[in-house]
C-alpha atoms as a PDB file:
ATOM      1  CA  UNK A   1       6.963  -9.361  17.597  1.00  0.00           C
ATOM      2  CA  UNK A   2       5.194 -10.497  20.757  1.00  0.00           C
ATOM      3  CA  UNK A   3       1.723 -10.121  19.305  1.00  0.00           C
ATOM      4  CA  UNK A   4      -1.242 -12.037  20.677  1.00  0.00           C
ATOM      5  CA  UNK A   5      -3.521 -14.420  18.740  1.00  0.00           C
ATOM      6  CA  UNK A   6      -6.148 -12.633  16.603  1.00  0.00           C
ATOM      7  CA  UNK A   7      -8.900 -11.139  18.751  1.00  0.00           C
ATOM      8  CA  UNK A   8      -6.981 -11.651  22.001  1.00  0.00           C
ATOM      9  CA  UNK A   9      -5.708  -8.885  24.247  1.00  0.00           C
ATOM     10  CA  UNK A  10      -2.031  -9.041  25.318  1.00  0.00           C
ATOM     11  CA  UNK A  11      -1.033 -10.823  28.537  1.00  0.00           C
ATOM     12  CA  UNK A  12      -1.269  -8.742  31.727  1.00  0.00           C
ATOM     13  CA  UNK A  13       2.485  -8.475  32.327  1.00  0.00           C
ATOM     14  CA  UNK A  14       2.952  -7.249  28.773  1.00  0.00           C
ATOM     15  CA  UNK A  15       0.071  -4.792  29.145  1.00  0.00           C
ATOM     16  CA  UNK A  16       1.530  -3.330  32.333  1.00  0.00           C
ATOM     17  CA  UNK A  17       4.894  -2.861  30.626  1.00  0.00           C
ATOM     18  CA  UNK A  18       3.290  -1.168  27.639  1.00  0.00           C
ATOM     19  CA  UNK A  19       1.357   1.210  29.861  1.00  0.00           C
ATOM     20  CA  UNK A  20       4.516   2.191  31.693  1.00  0.00           C
ATOM     21  CA  UNK A  21       6.375   2.732  28.403  1.00  0.00           C
ATOM     22  CA  UNK A  22       3.502   4.822  27.103  1.00  0.00           C
ATOM     23  CA  UNK A  23       3.523   7.092  30.131  1.00  0.00           C
ATOM     24  CA  UNK A  24       7.276   7.583  29.808  1.00  0.00           C
ATOM     25  CA  UNK A  25       6.832   8.658  26.179  1.00  0.00           C
ATOM     26  CA  UNK A  26       4.726  11.582  27.415  1.00  0.00           C
ATOM     27  CA  UNK A  27       7.310  12.804  29.928  1.00  0.00           C
ATOM     28  CA  UNK A  28       9.747  14.476  27.539  1.00  0.00           C
ATOM     29  CA  UNK A  29      10.476  15.045  23.884  1.00  0.00           C
ATOM     30  CA  UNK A  30       7.985  14.674  21.041  1.00  0.00           C
ATOM     31  CA  UNK A  31       6.780  11.483  19.358  1.00  0.00           C
ATOM     32  CA  UNK A  32       4.443  10.609  16.495  1.00  0.00           C
ATOM     33  CA  UNK A  33       1.580   8.236  17.310  1.00  0.00           C
ATOM     34  CA  UNK A  34       0.105   7.273  13.910  1.00  0.00           C
ATOM     35  CA  UNK A  35      -3.406   5.883  13.510  1.00  0.00           C
ATOM     36  CA  UNK A  36      -3.958   2.460  11.918  1.00  0.00           C
ATOM     37  CA  UNK A  37      -7.478   1.338  11.056  1.00  0.00           C
ATOM     38  CA  UNK A  38      -7.049  -2.430  11.380  1.00  0.00           C
ATOM     39  CA  UNK A  39      -4.553  -4.976  12.754  1.00  0.00           C
ATOM     40  CA  UNK A  40      -2.649  -5.175   9.459  1.00  0.00           C
ATOM     41  CA  UNK A  41      -2.006  -1.445   9.216  1.00  0.00           C
ATOM     42  CA  UNK A  42      -1.107  -1.439  12.918  1.00  0.00           C
ATOM     43  CA  UNK A  43       1.507  -4.138  12.380  1.00  0.00           C
ATOM     44  CA  UNK A  44       3.059  -2.234   9.504  1.00  0.00           C
ATOM     45  CA  UNK A  45       3.338   0.964  11.553  1.00  0.00           C
ATOM     46  CA  UNK A  46       4.940  -0.932  14.434  1.00  0.00           C
ATOM     47  CA  UNK A  47       7.354  -2.525  11.976  1.00  0.00           C
ATOM     48  CA  UNK A  48       8.407   0.942  10.795  1.00  0.00           C
ATOM     49  CA  UNK A  49       9.556   1.672  14.327  1.00  0.00           C
ATOM     50  CA  UNK A  50       6.789   3.907  15.680  1.00  0.00           C
ATOM     51  CA  UNK A  51       6.838   3.652  19.459  1.00  0.00           C
ATOM     52  CA  UNK A  52       3.052   3.616  19.849  1.00  0.00           C
ATOM     53  CA  UNK A  53      -0.094   3.642  17.698  1.00  0.00           C
ATOM     54  CA  UNK A  54      -3.632   4.954  18.186  1.00  0.00           C
ATOM     55  CA  UNK A  55      -6.907   3.714  16.783  1.00  0.00           C
ATOM     56  CA  UNK A  56      -9.021   6.034  14.640  1.00  0.00           C
ATOM     57  CA  UNK A  57     -12.805   6.035  14.952  1.00  0.00           C
ATOM     58  CA  UNK A  58     -13.247   7.279  11.379  1.00  0.00           C
ATOM     59  CA  UNK A  59     -10.783   4.851   9.808  1.00  0.00           C
ATOM     60  CA  UNK A  60     -12.365   1.913  11.618  1.00  0.00           C
ATOM     61  CA  UNK A  61     -15.909   3.017  10.769  1.00  0.00           C
ATOM     62  CA  UNK A  62     -15.047   3.340   7.078  1.00  0.00           C
ATOM     63  CA  UNK A  63     -13.546  -0.151   7.095  1.00  0.00           C
ATOM     64  CA  UNK A  64     -16.954  -1.385   8.287  1.00  0.00           C
ATOM     65  CA  UNK A  65     -18.852   0.572   5.640  1.00  0.00           C
ATOM     66  CA  UNK A  66     -20.110   3.131   8.162  1.00  0.00           C
ATOM     67  CA  UNK A  67     -19.758   6.864   8.711  1.00  0.00           C
ATOM     68  CA  UNK A  68     -17.631   8.087  11.602  1.00  0.00           C
ATOM     69  CA  UNK A  69     -19.191   7.674  15.062  1.00  0.00           C
ATOM     70  CA  UNK A  70     -21.566   5.022  13.753  1.00  0.00           C
ATOM     71  CA  UNK A  71     -20.064   1.908  15.300  1.00  0.00           C
ATOM     72  CA  UNK A  72     -21.339   0.337  18.495  1.00  0.00           C
ATOM     73  CA  UNK A  73     -19.525   0.072  21.800  1.00  0.00           C
ATOM     74  CA  UNK A  74     -19.207  -3.690  21.322  1.00  0.00           C
ATOM     75  CA  UNK A  75     -17.653  -3.248  17.888  1.00  0.00           C
ATOM     76  CA  UNK A  76     -15.255  -0.611  19.180  1.00  0.00           C
ATOM     77  CA  UNK A  77     -14.128  -2.775  22.102  1.00  0.00           C
ATOM     78  CA  UNK A  78     -13.440  -5.740  19.827  1.00  0.00           C
ATOM     79  CA  UNK A  79     -11.556  -3.531  17.381  1.00  0.00           C
ATOM     80  CA  UNK A  80      -9.399  -2.048  20.142  1.00  0.00           C
ATOM     81  CA  UNK A  81      -8.596  -5.546  21.445  1.00  0.00           C
ATOM     82  CA  UNK A  82      -7.748  -6.713  17.906  1.00  0.00           C
ATOM     83  CA  UNK A  83      -5.305  -3.847  17.369  1.00  0.00           C
ATOM     84  CA  UNK A  84      -3.732  -4.167  20.827  1.00  0.00           C
ATOM     85  CA  UNK A  85      -3.329  -7.890  20.281  1.00  0.00           C
ATOM     86  CA  UNK A  86      -1.697  -7.431  16.879  1.00  0.00           C
ATOM     87  CA  UNK A  87       1.289  -5.321  17.968  1.00  0.00           C
ATOM     88  CA  UNK A  88       3.843  -5.168  20.758  1.00  0.00           C
ATOM     89  CA  UNK A  89       3.757  -1.365  21.137  1.00  0.00           C
ATOM     90  CA  UNK A  90       1.355   0.662  23.315  1.00  0.00           C
ATOM     91  CA  UNK A  91      -2.053   1.410  21.803  1.00  0.00           C
ATOM     92  CA  UNK A  92      -4.144   4.502  22.501  1.00  0.00           C
ATOM     93  CA  UNK A  93      -7.878   4.002  21.927  1.00  0.00           C
ATOM     94  CA  UNK A  94     -10.021   6.601  20.203  1.00  0.00           C
ATOM     95  CA  UNK A  95     -12.981   6.037  22.520  1.00  0.00           C
ATOM     96  CA  UNK A  96     -15.078   8.790  20.949  1.00  0.00           C
ATOM     97  CA  UNK A  97     -17.395  10.291  23.593  1.00  0.00           C
ATOM     98  CA  UNK A  98     -17.287   7.230  25.805  1.00  0.00           C
ATOM     99  CA  UNK A  99     -20.417   5.830  24.106  1.00  0.00           C
ATOM    100  CA  UNK A 100     -22.550   7.523  26.755  1.00  0.00           C
ATOM    101  CA  UNK A 101     -23.676  10.984  27.786  1.00  0.00           C
ATOM    102  CA  UNK A 102     -23.917  10.797  31.556  1.00  0.00           C
ATOM    103  CA  UNK A 103     -20.677  10.476  33.554  1.00  0.00           C
ATOM    104  CA  UNK A 104     -21.718   7.159  35.128  1.00  0.00           C
ATOM    105  CA  UNK A 105     -22.212   5.654  31.684  1.00  0.00           C
ATOM    106  CA  UNK A 106     -18.858   6.967  30.481  1.00  0.00           C
ATOM    107  CA  UNK A 107     -17.153   5.452  33.527  1.00  0.00           C
ATOM    108  CA  UNK A 108     -18.853   2.083  33.012  1.00  0.00           C
ATOM    109  CA  UNK A 109     -17.809   1.932  29.370  1.00  0.00           C
ATOM    110  CA  UNK A 110     -14.258   3.063  30.112  1.00  0.00           C
ATOM    111  CA  UNK A 111     -13.953   0.205  32.618  1.00  0.00           C
ATOM    112  CA  UNK A 112     -14.955  -2.197  29.840  1.00  0.00           C
ATOM    113  CA  UNK A 113     -12.108  -0.892  27.678  1.00  0.00           C
ATOM    114  CA  UNK A 114      -9.400  -1.640  30.245  1.00  0.00           C
ATOM    115  CA  UNK A 115      -9.226  -5.424  29.543  1.00  0.00           C
ATOM    116  CA  UNK A 116      -8.605  -4.796  25.825  1.00  0.00           C
ATOM    117  CA  UNK A 117      -4.969  -4.038  26.656  1.00  0.00           C
ATOM    118  CA  UNK A 118      -4.992  -0.340  25.814  1.00  0.00           C
ATOM    119  CA  UNK A 119      -2.269   1.904  27.200  1.00  0.00           C
ATOM    120  CA  UNK A 120      -4.239   5.111  26.649  1.00  0.00           C
ATOM    121  CA  UNK A 121      -7.816   6.165  25.990  1.00  0.00           C
ATOM    122  CA  UNK A 122      -9.371   9.421  24.776  1.00  0.00           C
ATOM    123  CA  UNK A 123     -12.712  10.997  25.657  1.00  0.00           C
ATOM    124  CA  UNK A 124     -14.101  13.882  23.615  1.00  0.00           C
ATOM    125  CA  UNK A 125     -16.665  16.572  24.393  1.00  0.00           C
ATOM    126  CA  UNK A 126     -18.630  16.696  21.124  1.00  0.00           C
ATOM    127  CA  UNK A 127     -22.327  15.842  21.162  1.00  0.00           C
ATOM    128  CA  UNK A 128     -23.011  14.991  17.520  1.00  0.00           C
ATOM    129  CA  UNK A 129     -25.734  17.667  17.518  1.00  0.00           C
ATOM    130  CA  UNK A 130     -24.911  20.460  15.054  1.00  0.00           C
ATOM    131  CA  UNK A 131     -27.097  22.949  16.943  1.00  0.00           C
ATOM    132  CA  UNK A 132     -25.240  22.327  20.231  1.00  0.00           C
ATOM    133  CA  UNK A 133     -22.022  20.580  19.202  1.00  0.00           C
ATOM    134  CA  UNK A 134     -20.266  20.616  22.594  1.00  0.00           C
ATOM    135  CA  UNK A 135     -21.461  19.280  25.901  1.00  0.00           C
ATOM    136  CA  UNK A 136     -21.973  21.933  28.566  1.00  0.00           C
ATOM    137  CA  UNK A 137     -18.659  22.594  30.270  1.00  0.00           C
ATOM    138  CA  UNK A 138     -19.798  21.377  33.686  1.00  0.00           C
ATOM    139  CA  UNK A 139     -21.059  18.090  32.239  1.00  0.00           C
ATOM    140  CA  UNK A 140     -17.910  17.734  30.113  1.00  0.00           C
ATOM    141  CA  UNK A 141     -15.712  18.112  33.190  1.00  0.00           C
ATOM    142  CA  UNK A 142     -17.722  15.505  35.088  1.00  0.00           C
ATOM    143  CA  UNK A 143     -17.410  13.109  32.143  1.00  0.00           C
ATOM    144  CA  UNK A 144     -13.620  13.494  32.204  1.00  0.00           C
ATOM    145  CA  UNK A 145     -13.548  13.131  35.989  1.00  0.00           C
ATOM    146  CA  UNK A 146     -15.617   9.926  35.739  1.00  0.00           C
ATOM    147  CA  UNK A 147     -13.270   8.481  33.132  1.00  0.00           C
ATOM    148  CA  UNK A 148     -10.240   9.376  35.250  1.00  0.00           C
ATOM    149  CA  UNK A 149     -11.799   7.681  38.271  1.00  0.00           C
ATOM    150  CA  UNK A 150     -12.549   4.555  36.233  1.00  0.00           C
ATOM    151  CA  UNK A 151      -8.913   4.372  35.096  1.00  0.00           C
ATOM    152  CA  UNK A 152      -7.363   5.087  38.505  1.00  0.00           C
ATOM    153  CA  UNK A 153      -4.745   2.513  39.425  1.00  0.00           C
ATOM    154  CA  UNK A 154      -4.745   0.841  35.997  1.00  0.00           C
ATOM    155  CA  UNK A 155      -1.841   2.749  34.430  1.00  0.00           C
ATOM    156  CA  UNK A 156      -4.014   3.662  31.430  1.00  0.00           C
ATOM    157  CA  UNK A 157      -3.337   7.239  30.313  1.00  0.00           C
ATOM    158  CA  UNK A 158      -6.417   9.449  29.875  1.00  0.00           C
ATOM    159  CA  UNK A 159      -6.543  11.868  26.949  1.00  0.00           C
ATOM    160  CA  UNK A 160      -9.231  14.578  27.062  1.00  0.00           C
ATOM    161  CA  UNK A 161     -10.254  16.118  23.748  1.00  0.00           C
ATOM    162  CA  UNK A 162     -12.059  19.397  23.143  1.00  0.00           C
ATOM    163  CA  UNK A 163     -13.599  19.374  19.677  1.00  0.00           C
ATOM    164  CA  UNK A 164     -14.611  23.005  19.162  1.00  0.00           C
ATOM    165  CA  UNK A 165     -12.271  23.618  16.221  1.00  0.00           C
ATOM    166  CA  UNK A 166     -13.726  20.717  14.207  1.00  0.00           C
ATOM    167  CA  UNK A 167     -17.426  21.101  15.090  1.00  0.00           C
ATOM    168  CA  UNK A 168     -17.929  24.736  14.189  1.00  0.00           C
ATOM    169  CA  UNK A 169     -16.959  26.379  17.496  1.00  0.00           C
ATOM    170  CA  UNK A 170     -13.338  27.467  16.858  1.00  0.00           C
ATOM    171  CA  UNK A 171     -12.818  29.603  19.955  1.00  0.00           C
ATOM    172  CA  UNK A 172      -9.284  29.437  21.279  1.00  0.00           C
ATOM    173  CA  UNK A 173     -10.310  30.966  24.620  1.00  0.00           C
ATOM    174  CA  UNK A 174     -13.096  28.427  25.134  1.00  0.00           C
ATOM    175  CA  UNK A 175     -10.881  25.554  24.031  1.00  0.00           C
ATOM    176  CA  UNK A 176      -8.213  26.575  26.531  1.00  0.00           C
ATOM    177  CA  UNK A 177     -10.837  26.964  29.256  1.00  0.00           C
ATOM    178  CA  UNK A 178     -12.089  23.448  28.586  1.00  0.00           C
ATOM    179  CA  UNK A 179      -8.684  21.783  28.316  1.00  0.00           C
ATOM    180  CA  UNK A 180      -7.475  23.427  31.520  1.00  0.00           C
ATOM    181  CA  UNK A 181     -10.604  22.211  33.302  1.00  0.00           C
ATOM    182  CA  UNK A 182     -10.109  18.689  31.927  1.00  0.00           C
ATOM    183  CA  UNK A 183      -6.519  18.690  33.131  1.00  0.00           C
ATOM    184  CA  UNK A 184      -7.732  19.695  36.587  1.00  0.00           C
ATOM    185  CA  UNK A 185     -10.335  16.907  36.453  1.00  0.00           C
ATOM    186  CA  UNK A 186      -7.672  14.242  35.951  1.00  0.00           C
ATOM    187  CA  UNK A 187      -6.795  14.088  32.252  1.00  0.00           C
ATOM    188  CA  UNK A 188      -3.165  13.114  31.648  1.00  0.00           C
ATOM    189  CA  UNK A 189      -2.869  14.506  28.099  1.00  0.00           C
ATOM    190  CA  UNK A 190      -4.825  17.276  26.362  1.00  0.00           C
ATOM    191  CA  UNK A 191      -5.906  17.383  22.743  1.00  0.00           C
ATOM    192  CA  UNK A 192      -7.755  19.933  20.596  1.00  0.00           C
ATOM    193  CA  UNK A 193      -8.081  18.551  17.050  1.00  0.00           C
ATOM    194  CA  UNK A 194      -8.179  21.296  14.439  1.00  0.00           C
ATOM    195  CA  UNK A 195      -5.666  23.722  15.943  1.00  0.00           C
ATOM    196  CA  UNK A 196      -3.032  24.575  13.348  1.00  0.00           C
ATOM    197  CA  UNK A 197      -1.307  27.894  13.910  1.00  0.00           C
ATOM    198  CA  UNK A 198       1.819  28.519  15.938  1.00  0.00           C
ATOM    199  CA  UNK A 199      -0.118  30.949  18.127  1.00  0.00           C
ATOM    200  CA  UNK A 200      -2.945  28.478  18.859  1.00  0.00           C
ATOM    201  CA  UNK A 201      -0.613  25.604  19.624  1.00  0.00           C
ATOM    202  CA  UNK A 202       1.717  27.654  21.802  1.00  0.00           C
ATOM    203  CA  UNK A 203      -1.190  29.094  23.791  1.00  0.00           C
ATOM    204  CA  UNK A 204      -2.597  25.638  24.544  1.00  0.00           C
ATOM    205  CA  UNK A 205       0.773  24.135  25.439  1.00  0.00           C
ATOM    206  CA  UNK A 206       1.390  26.960  27.908  1.00  0.00           C
ATOM    207  CA  UNK A 207      -2.129  26.854  29.351  1.00  0.00           C
ATOM    208  CA  UNK A 208      -2.031  23.181  30.383  1.00  0.00           C
ATOM    209  CA  UNK A 209       1.683  22.835  31.186  1.00  0.00           C
ATOM    210  CA  UNK A 210       3.251  20.707  32.504  1.00  0.00           C
ATOM    211  CA  UNK A 211       0.718  18.228  31.119  1.00  0.00           C
ATOM    212  CA  UNK A 212       1.457  17.054  27.563  1.00  0.00           C
ATOM    213  CA  UNK A 213      -0.439  18.195  24.480  1.00  0.00           C
ATOM    214  CA  UNK A 214      -1.349  16.135  21.398  1.00  0.00           C
ATOM    215  CA  UNK A 215      -1.656  17.901  18.044  1.00  0.00           C
ATOM    216  CA  UNK A 216      -3.551  16.413  15.099  1.00  0.00           C
ATOM    217  CA  UNK A 217      -1.849  16.637  11.705  1.00  0.00           C
ATOM    218  CA  UNK A 218      -4.251  15.687   8.933  1.00  0.00           C
ATOM    219  CA  UNK A 219      -2.559  17.527   6.064  1.00  0.00           C
ATOM    220  CA  UNK A 220       0.814  18.905   5.001  1.00  0.00           C
ATOM    221  CA  UNK A 221       0.864  22.054   7.150  1.00  0.00           C
ATOM    222  CA  UNK A 222       3.772  21.403   9.528  1.00  0.00           C
ATOM    223  CA  UNK A 223       6.703  19.162  10.436  1.00  0.00           C
ATOM    224  CA  UNK A 224       7.534  17.087  13.478  1.00  0.00           C
ATOM    225  CA  UNK A 225      10.499  19.334  14.285  1.00  0.00           C
ATOM    226  CA  UNK A 226       8.336  22.468  14.129  1.00  0.00           C
ATOM    227  CA  UNK A 227       5.754  21.069  16.552  1.00  0.00           C
ATOM    228  CA  UNK A 228       8.451  19.772  18.875  1.00  0.00           C
ATOM    229  CA  UNK A 229       9.947  23.262  19.023  1.00  0.00           C
ATOM    230  CA  UNK A 230       6.574  24.569  20.253  1.00  0.00           C
ATOM    231  CA  UNK A 231       6.533  22.110  23.145  1.00  0.00           C
ATOM    232  CA  UNK A 232       4.086  19.614  21.619  1.00  0.00           C
ATOM    233  CA  UNK A 233       4.629  16.223  23.213  1.00  0.00           C
ATOM    234  CA  UNK A 234       2.857  13.950  20.740  1.00  0.00           C
ATOM    235  CA  UNK A 235       1.469  14.096  17.185  1.00  0.00           C
ATOM    236  CA  UNK A 236      -1.345  11.972  15.770  1.00  0.00           C
ATOM    237  CA  UNK A 237      -2.805  11.833  12.257  1.00  0.00           C
ATOM    238  CA  UNK A 238      -6.374  10.701  12.957  1.00  0.00           C
ATOM    239  CA  UNK A 239      -8.036   9.256   9.874  1.00  0.00           C
ATOM    240  CA  UNK A 240      -5.459  10.748   7.479  1.00  0.00           C
ATOM    241  CA  UNK A 241      -3.604   7.492   6.782  1.00  0.00           C
ATOM    242  CA  UNK A 242      -6.931   5.768   6.158  1.00  0.00           C
ATOM    243  CA  UNK A 243      -7.893   8.632   3.836  1.00  0.00           C
ATOM    244  CA  UNK A 244      -4.587   8.259   2.002  1.00  0.00           C
ATOM    245  CA  UNK A 245      -5.310   4.561   1.470  1.00  0.00           C
ATOM    246  CA  UNK A 246      -8.883   5.294   0.394  1.00  0.00           C
ATOM    247  CA  UNK A 247      -7.602   7.962  -2.000  1.00  0.00           C
ATOM    248  CA  UNK A 248      -5.305   5.522  -3.827  1.00  0.00           C
ATOM    249  CA  UNK A 249      -8.021   2.844  -3.883  1.00  0.00           C
ATOM    250  CA  UNK A 250     -10.682   5.264  -5.175  1.00  0.00           C
ATOM    251  CA  UNK A 251      -8.468   6.645  -7.936  1.00  0.00           C
ATOM    252  CA  UNK A 252      -7.572   3.150  -9.160  1.00  0.00           C
ATOM    253  CA  UNK A 253     -11.144   1.864  -8.974  1.00  0.00           C
ATOM    254  CA  UNK A 254     -12.556   4.959 -10.702  1.00  0.00           C
ATOM    255  CA  UNK A 255     -10.027   4.576 -13.542  1.00  0.00           C
ATOM    256  CA  UNK A 256     -11.038   0.951 -14.073  1.00  0.00           C
ATOM    257  CA  UNK A 257     -14.748   1.793 -13.970  1.00  0.00           C
ATOM    258  CA  UNK A 258     -14.606   4.866 -16.212  1.00  0.00           C
ATOM    259  CA  UNK A 259     -11.734   4.241 -18.612  1.00  0.00           C
ATOM    260  CA  UNK A 260     -11.238   0.489 -18.567  1.00  0.00           C
ATOM    261  CA  UNK A 261      -7.533   1.000 -17.933  1.00  0.00           C
ATOM    262  CA  UNK A 262      -5.302  -0.052 -15.056  1.00  0.00           C
ATOM    263  CA  UNK A 263      -2.543   2.566 -14.934  1.00  0.00           C
ATOM    264  CA  UNK A 264      -3.061   3.369 -11.248  1.00  0.00           C
ATOM    265  CA  UNK A 265      -2.254  -0.208 -10.298  1.00  0.00           C
ATOM    266  CA  UNK A 266       1.350   0.404 -11.373  1.00  0.00           C
ATOM    267  CA  UNK A 267       1.923   2.177  -8.071  1.00  0.00           C
ATOM    268  CA  UNK A 268       0.583  -0.679  -5.965  1.00  0.00           C
ATOM    269  CA  UNK A 269       2.826  -2.621  -3.599  1.00  0.00           C
ATOM    270  CA  UNK A 270       3.652  -6.092  -4.856  1.00  0.00           C
ATOM    271  CA  UNK A 271       1.901  -9.157  -3.453  1.00  0.00           C
ATOM    272  CA  UNK A 272       5.111 -10.402  -1.853  1.00  0.00           C
ATOM    273  CA  UNK A 273       5.834  -6.980  -0.371  1.00  0.00           C
ATOM    274  CA  UNK A 274       2.479  -6.892   1.430  1.00  0.00           C
ATOM    275  CA  UNK A 275       2.137 -10.579   2.210  1.00  0.00           C
ATOM    276  CA  UNK A 276       5.639 -10.624   3.656  1.00  0.00           C
ATOM    277  CA  UNK A 277       4.653  -8.094   6.316  1.00  0.00           C
ATOM    278  CA  UNK A 278       2.603 -10.669   8.181  1.00  0.00           C
ATOM    279  CA  UNK A 279       3.429 -13.975   9.879  1.00  0.00           C
ATOM    280  CA  UNK A 280       2.249 -17.071   8.000  1.00  0.00           C
ATOM    281  CA  UNK A 281       0.723 -18.701  11.084  1.00  0.00           C
END
């Protein structure tokens, strides 16, 4: 594994190669891009043979004892660099809403993410305000256009996310309208977390073709082969792997606290099994 020292981004030649590989992955077929929450989980996923990984804002926030979308730009940038430096596969950054509202701020922050070594970066259109959960379409398009401009010539792939289905605005027509506009504004890959049905997925794939579509799978509702047959180009799992880890941890800890027994620990990986995943140096 040609990983970098902890906290260090990969060398430029390696970064350029990763970015090219990442773009090629989006040109045909369907691949799974799982979401680690720290360098250790990233290394394990790369060891399993996944061709790329993506950070998860929720998984990272939970590892810091925070709720989702409650980490700072500085923390996010360091985390992205840590993950990119830990593996030799391309890394897509969950860059939330760009840590800014106005397009100029999004562009400035996106430029700061480029030196972390990322191969891809996502920008979403949710506001965090339950009464108006999505940015106005015109502003959302300008935010995507600003991010695309900031990434021009770098090889970093831009993913534009429309969050309506997970923030209480599950309109397929509006989601398609937004994703098509983001594609026109320069997004390389389109993503609407929360879509699940064959009809929803097929409609979005057709609406933004030939640009690739990412589908989020956070529960057992589909298979890779089924999504591939619908023309989906890539599949991510968001915070689901982190939730799976938290679920096992919580069940074991709750048993110890409430019953004074340790049965859940029987399913734990052995020390040697985990410790052997990582280099001793």
